[in-house]
Amino acid sequence: MAWFMIVAAGLFEVAMAYSLKLSDGFSSLPPSICFGVFAVASFGLLAFALKSLEVGTAYAVWTGIGRPVRPPAAPPEPEVIQVLTT
């Protein structure tokens, strides 16, 4: 059950990051509300999973889920690409 919670928490973390991007600095209300809901869900599930898993393992899985999923969902801004290529 802890592994299911940590995977779900990782997916909520991806949704949280994407809604943060869409909120435009918290100036748009619906994505800002979604950010709050996804953040509570992600951190809540992570906290429950930590009752059964070690912190290092849980954190690695939680953040590792977002790595392959996040680039298609929220590609980097052109300014970031320009800095990385120079």
Protein backbone atom coordinates (compact mmCIF):
# COMPACT_ATOMS: atom_id res chain seq x y z
CA MET A 1 0.00 0.00 0.00
CA ALA A 2 2.88 2.36 0.75
CA TRP A 3 4.26 1.91 -2.75
CA PHE A 4 0.89 2.77 -4.27
CA MET A 5 0.75 5.91 -2.12
CA ILE A 6 4.24 7.00 -3.10
CA VAL A 7 3.51 6.54 -6.81
CA ALA A 8 0.25 8.49 -6.45
CA ALA A 9 2.11 11.19 -4.51
CA GLY A 10 4.64 11.44 -7.34
CA LEU A 11 1.90 11.88 -9.91
CA PHE A 12 0.25 14.56 -7.76
CA GLU A 13 3.66 16.25 -7.53
CA VAL A 14 3.80 16.43 -11.33
CA ALA A 15 0.28 17.88 -11.42
CA MET A 16 1.30 20.35 -8.71
CA ALA A 17 4.30 21.57 -10.70
CA TYR A 18 2.28 21.90 -13.89
CA SER A 19 -0.55 23.81 -12.18
CA LEU A 20 2.05 26.11 -10.60
CA LYS A 21 3.28 26.94 -14.09
CA LEU A 22 -0.27 27.57 -15.30
CA SER A 23 -1.07 29.80 -12.29
CA ASP A 24 1.18 32.55 -13.71
CA GLY A 25 2.55 33.60 -10.34
CA PHE A 26 -0.73 32.80 -8.56
CA SER A 27 -2.51 35.46 -10.63
CA SER A 28 -4.96 32.95 -12.14
CA LEU A 29 -7.35 31.51 -9.56
CA PRO A 30 -8.31 28.04 -10.94
CA PRO A 31 -4.72 26.80 -11.44
CA SER A 32 -3.76 28.30 -8.07
CA ILE A 33 -6.51 26.33 -6.36
CA CYS A 34 -5.45 23.19 -8.23
CA PHE A 35 -1.89 23.78 -7.06
CA GLY A 36 -3.04 23.85 -3.43
CA VAL A 37 -5.14 20.71 -3.81
CA PHE A 38 -2.37 18.80 -5.57
CA ALA A 39 0.23 19.97 -3.03
CA VAL A 40 -1.86 18.78 -0.08
CA ALA A 41 -2.53 15.45 -1.82
CA SER A 42 1.11 14.94 -2.78
CA PHE A 43 2.61 15.80 0.59
CA GLY A 44 -0.15 13.98 2.45
CA LEU A 45 0.38 10.76 0.54
CA LEU A 46 4.13 11.14 0.93
CA ALA A 47 3.70 11.52 4.70
CA PHE A 48 1.54 8.39 4.91
CA ALA A 49 3.99 6.42 2.79
CA LEU A 50 6.86 7.47 5.06
CA LYS A 51 5.27 5.48 7.89
CA SER A 52 6.26 2.29 6.06
CA LEU A 53 9.17 3.32 3.83
CA GLU A 54 12.56 4.83 4.53
CA VAL A 55 12.91 8.53 3.76
CA GLY A 56 15.66 8.13 1.16
CA THR A 57 13.80 5.48 -0.79
CA ALA A 58 10.48 7.31 -0.65
CA TYR A 59 12.01 10.64 -1.68
CA ALA A 60 13.91 9.05 -4.57
CA VAL A 61 10.75 7.43 -5.93
CA TRP A 62 8.60 10.54 -5.28
CA THR A 63 10.92 12.85 -7.17
CA GLY A 64 11.96 10.22 -9.71
CA ILE A 65 8.40 9.83 -10.97
CA GLY A 66 8.27 13.46 -12.01
CA ARG A 67 11.47 13.39 -14.02
CA PRO A 68 10.30 11.43 -17.08
CA VAL A 69 6.75 12.79 -16.91
CA ARG A 70 7.40 16.49 -16.39
CA PRO A 71 9.26 17.46 -19.62
CA PRO A 72 6.37 16.65 -21.97
CA ALA A 73 3.86 18.20 -19.58
CA ALA A 74 5.82 21.36 -18.81
CA PRO A 75 8.66 21.99 -21.25
CA PRO A 76 11.31 24.49 -20.17
CA GLU A 77 10.96 28.11 -21.14
CA PRO A 78 13.00 29.30 -24.17
CA GLU A 79 15.13 31.48 -21.87
CA VAL A 80 16.19 28.41 -19.89
CA ILE A 81 17.12 26.57 -23.06
CA GLN A 82 19.16 29.54 -24.25
CA VAL A 83 21.09 29.71 -20.95
CA LEU A 84 21.75 25.98 -21.03
CA THR A 85 23.09 26.05 -24.58
CA THR A 86 25.48 28.97 -24.11
